[in-house]
Amino acid sequence: MEVATDSAGDDSPVARLARIAQMRADLSRAEEIAVRRARAAGLSWAEIGTLLGVSKQAMHQRYGRRT
């Protein structure tokens, strides 16, 4: 949370929102890589969903075609 609210640099609302949008994109890419690796390691969609706090259906819908 500190990264998004850090006052270093430009502290305008636009700059903060831009940093948050970039963090979301970075986290989305990191999650996709982690899910792909978890599936390759043999974890089920249910196990991955539980670890990420979502249903297995949500995980499969989001990543099933990508992995």
N, C-alpha and C. Protein backbone atom coordinates (compact mmCIF):
# COMPACT_ATOMS: atom_id res chain seq x y z
N MET A 1 0.81 -1.19 0.00
CA MET A 1 0.00 0.00 0.00
C MET A 1 0.86 1.26 0.00
N GLU A 2 2.01 1.18 0.64
CA GLU A 2 2.87 2.35 0.72
C GLU A 2 3.34 2.82 -0.65
N VAL A 3 3.52 1.89 -1.57
CA VAL A 3 3.99 2.27 -2.89
C VAL A 3 3.00 3.19 -3.58
N ALA A 4 1.71 2.88 -3.49
CA ALA A 4 0.68 3.68 -4.15
C ALA A 4 0.50 5.04 -3.48
N THR A 5 0.79 5.12 -2.20
CA THR A 5 0.57 6.37 -1.48
C THR A 5 1.86 7.10 -1.16
N ASP A 6 2.97 6.55 -1.62
CA ASP A 6 4.28 7.17 -1.39
C ASP A 6 4.28 8.58 -1.97
N SER A 7 4.79 9.53 -1.21
CA SER A 7 4.76 10.92 -1.65
C SER A 7 5.99 11.29 -2.47
N ALA A 8 6.87 10.35 -2.72
CA ALA A 8 8.05 10.65 -3.52
C ALA A 8 7.64 10.99 -4.95
N GLY A 9 8.26 11.97 -5.53
CA GLY A 9 7.95 12.35 -6.90
C GLY A 9 6.66 13.13 -7.00
N ASP A 10 6.00 13.02 -8.14
CA ASP A 10 4.75 13.72 -8.41
C ASP A 10 3.64 13.13 -7.54
N ASP A 11 3.02 13.94 -6.72
CA ASP A 11 2.00 13.46 -5.80
C ASP A 11 0.59 13.86 -6.26
N SER A 12 0.42 14.21 -7.51
CA SER A 12 -0.90 14.60 -7.99
C SER A 12 -1.81 13.38 -8.07
N PRO A 13 -3.12 13.59 -8.01
CA PRO A 13 -4.05 12.46 -8.14
C PRO A 13 -3.85 11.68 -9.44
N VAL A 14 -3.55 12.38 -10.51
CA VAL A 14 -3.33 11.70 -11.80
C VAL A 14 -2.12 10.79 -11.71
N ALA A 15 -1.04 11.27 -11.12
CA ALA A 15 0.18 10.47 -10.99
C ALA A 15 -0.07 9.25 -10.11
N ARG A 16 -0.79 9.44 -9.00
CA ARG A 16 -1.10 8.31 -8.11
C ARG A 16 -1.92 7.25 -8.83
N LEU A 17 -2.94 7.70 -9.55
CA LEU A 17 -3.79 6.74 -10.27
C LEU A 17 -3.00 6.02 -11.36
N ALA A 18 -2.10 6.72 -12.01
CA ALA A 18 -1.26 6.09 -13.03
C ALA A 18 -0.37 5.02 -12.40
N ARG A 19 0.19 5.31 -11.21
CA ARG A 19 1.02 4.31 -10.52
C ARG A 19 0.19 3.09 -10.14
N ILE A 20 -1.02 3.33 -9.66
CA ILE A 20 -1.89 2.22 -9.28
C ILE A 20 -2.24 1.38 -10.51
N ALA A 21 -2.55 2.01 -11.62
CA ALA A 21 -2.87 1.27 -12.85
C ALA A 21 -1.68 0.42 -13.29
N GLN A 22 -0.49 0.96 -13.18
CA GLN A 22 0.71 0.20 -13.55
C GLN A 22 0.93 -0.98 -12.61
N MET A 23 0.70 -0.76 -11.31
CA MET A 23 0.84 -1.85 -10.35
C MET A 23 -0.16 -2.97 -10.65
N ARG A 24 -1.39 -2.60 -11.00
CA ARG A 24 -2.40 -3.62 -11.35
C ARG A 24 -1.94 -4.44 -12.54
N ALA A 25 -1.42 -3.78 -13.56
CA ALA A 25 -0.94 -4.49 -14.74
C ALA A 25 0.21 -5.42 -14.38
N ASP A 26 1.14 -4.94 -13.57
CA ASP A 26 2.28 -5.75 -13.14
C ASP A 26 1.82 -6.96 -12.33
N LEU A 27 0.88 -6.75 -11.41
CA LEU A 27 0.36 -7.85 -10.60
C LEU A 27 -0.40 -8.87 -11.44
N SER A 28 -1.12 -8.40 -12.43
CA SER A 28 -1.86 -9.30 -13.31
C SER A 28 -0.89 -10.20 -14.06
N ARG A 29 0.19 -9.62 -14.58
CA ARG A 29 1.20 -10.43 -15.28
C ARG A 29 1.86 -11.42 -14.33
N ALA A 30 2.18 -10.98 -13.12
CA ALA A 30 2.81 -11.86 -12.14
C ALA A 30 1.87 -13.01 -11.76
N GLU A 31 0.58 -12.70 -11.60
CA GLU A 31 -0.40 -13.74 -11.27
C GLU A 31 -0.50 -14.75 -12.40
N GLU A 32 -0.54 -14.29 -13.63
CA GLU A 32 -0.65 -15.21 -14.76
C GLU A 32 0.54 -16.15 -14.82
N ILE A 33 1.73 -15.64 -14.59
CA ILE A 33 2.93 -16.48 -14.58
C ILE A 33 2.86 -17.50 -13.45
N ALA A 34 2.46 -17.05 -12.26
CA ALA A 34 2.36 -17.94 -11.11
C ALA A 34 1.32 -19.03 -11.33
N VAL A 35 0.20 -18.68 -11.93
CA VAL A 35 -0.84 -19.67 -12.22
C VAL A 35 -0.32 -20.68 -13.23
N ARG A 36 0.32 -20.21 -14.27
CA ARG A 36 0.87 -21.12 -15.28
C ARG A 36 1.85 -22.10 -14.64
N ARG A 37 2.72 -21.60 -13.78
CA ARG A 37 3.71 -22.46 -13.11
C ARG A 37 3.03 -23.43 -12.14
N ALA A 38 2.00 -22.95 -11.44
CA ALA A 38 1.28 -23.82 -10.51
C ALA A 38 0.59 -24.96 -11.26
N ARG A 39 -0.01 -24.66 -12.39
CA ARG A 39 -0.65 -25.70 -13.20
C ARG A 39 0.39 -26.70 -13.70
N ALA A 40 1.55 -26.19 -14.14
CA ALA A 40 2.61 -27.07 -14.61
C ALA A 40 3.13 -27.96 -13.48
N ALA A 41 3.06 -27.47 -12.25
CA ALA A 41 3.51 -28.24 -11.08
C ALA A 41 2.44 -29.22 -10.61
N GLY A 42 1.26 -29.18 -11.23
CA GLY A 42 0.22 -30.15 -10.91
C GLY A 42 -0.89 -29.67 -10.00
N LEU A 43 -0.90 -28.40 -9.63
CA LEU A 43 -1.99 -27.90 -8.80
C LEU A 43 -3.28 -27.83 -9.61
N SER A 44 -4.39 -28.12 -8.94
CA SER A 44 -5.69 -28.05 -9.61
C SER A 44 -6.19 -26.62 -9.61
N TRP A 45 -7.21 -26.38 -10.44
CA TRP A 45 -7.83 -25.05 -10.46
C TRP A 45 -8.41 -24.71 -9.09
N ALA A 46 -8.95 -25.72 -8.40
CA ALA A 46 -9.52 -25.49 -7.07
C ALA A 46 -8.44 -25.08 -6.08
N GLU A 47 -7.29 -25.75 -6.13
CA GLU A 47 -6.18 -25.40 -5.22
C GLU A 47 -5.69 -23.98 -5.48
N ILE A 48 -5.52 -23.65 -6.75
CA ILE A 48 -5.05 -22.31 -7.11
C ILE A 48 -6.07 -21.27 -6.68
N GLY A 49 -7.33 -21.53 -6.95
CA GLY A 49 -8.38 -20.60 -6.55
C GLY A 49 -8.41 -20.38 -5.05
N THR A 50 -8.27 -21.45 -4.30
CA THR A 50 -8.26 -21.33 -2.84
C THR A 50 -7.09 -20.46 -2.38
N LEU A 51 -5.93 -20.68 -2.95
CA LEU A 51 -4.75 -19.90 -2.58
C LEU A 51 -4.92 -18.42 -2.91
N LEU A 52 -5.65 -18.12 -3.98
CA LEU A 52 -5.84 -16.73 -4.40
C LEU A 52 -7.17 -16.14 -3.90
N GLY A 53 -7.95 -16.95 -3.20
CA GLY A 53 -9.18 -16.44 -2.60
C GLY A 53 -10.33 -16.28 -3.57
N VAL A 54 -10.35 -17.09 -4.63
CA VAL A 54 -11.44 -17.07 -5.60
C VAL A 54 -11.86 -18.50 -5.91
N SER A 55 -12.98 -18.66 -6.60
CA SER A 55 -13.46 -20.00 -6.92
C SER A 55 -12.64 -20.63 -8.03
N LYS A 56 -12.71 -21.96 -8.10
CA LYS A 56 -12.00 -22.65 -9.18
C LYS A 56 -12.59 -22.25 -10.53
N GLN A 57 -13.88 -21.99 -10.58
CA GLN A 57 -14.50 -21.56 -11.82
C GLN A 57 -13.93 -20.22 -12.28
N ALA A 58 -13.75 -19.30 -11.33
CA ALA A 58 -13.19 -17.99 -11.68
C ALA A 58 -11.78 -18.14 -12.23
N MET A 59 -10.99 -18.99 -11.60
CA MET A 59 -9.61 -19.20 -12.08
C MET A 59 -9.61 -19.83 -13.47
N HIS A 60 -10.44 -20.84 -13.64
CA HIS A 60 -10.47 -21.51 -14.93
C HIS A 60 -10.97 -20.58 -16.03
N GLN A 61 -11.97 -19.76 -15.71
CA GLN A 61 -12.47 -18.81 -16.71
C GLN A 61 -11.39 -17.82 -17.10
N ARG A 62 -10.64 -17.36 -16.12
CA ARG A 62 -9.64 -16.33 -16.41
C ARG A 62 -8.41 -16.89 -17.10
N TYR A 63 -7.97 -18.08 -16.69
CA TYR A 63 -6.69 -18.58 -17.18
C TYR A 63 -6.77 -19.89 -17.96
N GLY A 64 -7.93 -20.54 -17.97
CA GLY A 64 -8.03 -21.85 -18.59
C GLY A 64 -7.59 -21.91 -20.04
N ARG A 65 -7.89 -20.91 -20.79
CA ARG A 65 -7.52 -20.91 -22.21
C ARG A 65 -6.09 -20.43 -22.44
N ARG A 66 -5.53 -19.75 -21.44
CA ARG A 66 -4.18 -19.19 -21.59
C ARG A 66 -3.09 -20.17 -21.23
N THR A 67 -3.41 -21.14 -20.35
CA THR A 67 -2.36 -22.04 -19.86
C THR A 67 -2.32 -23.33 -20.63
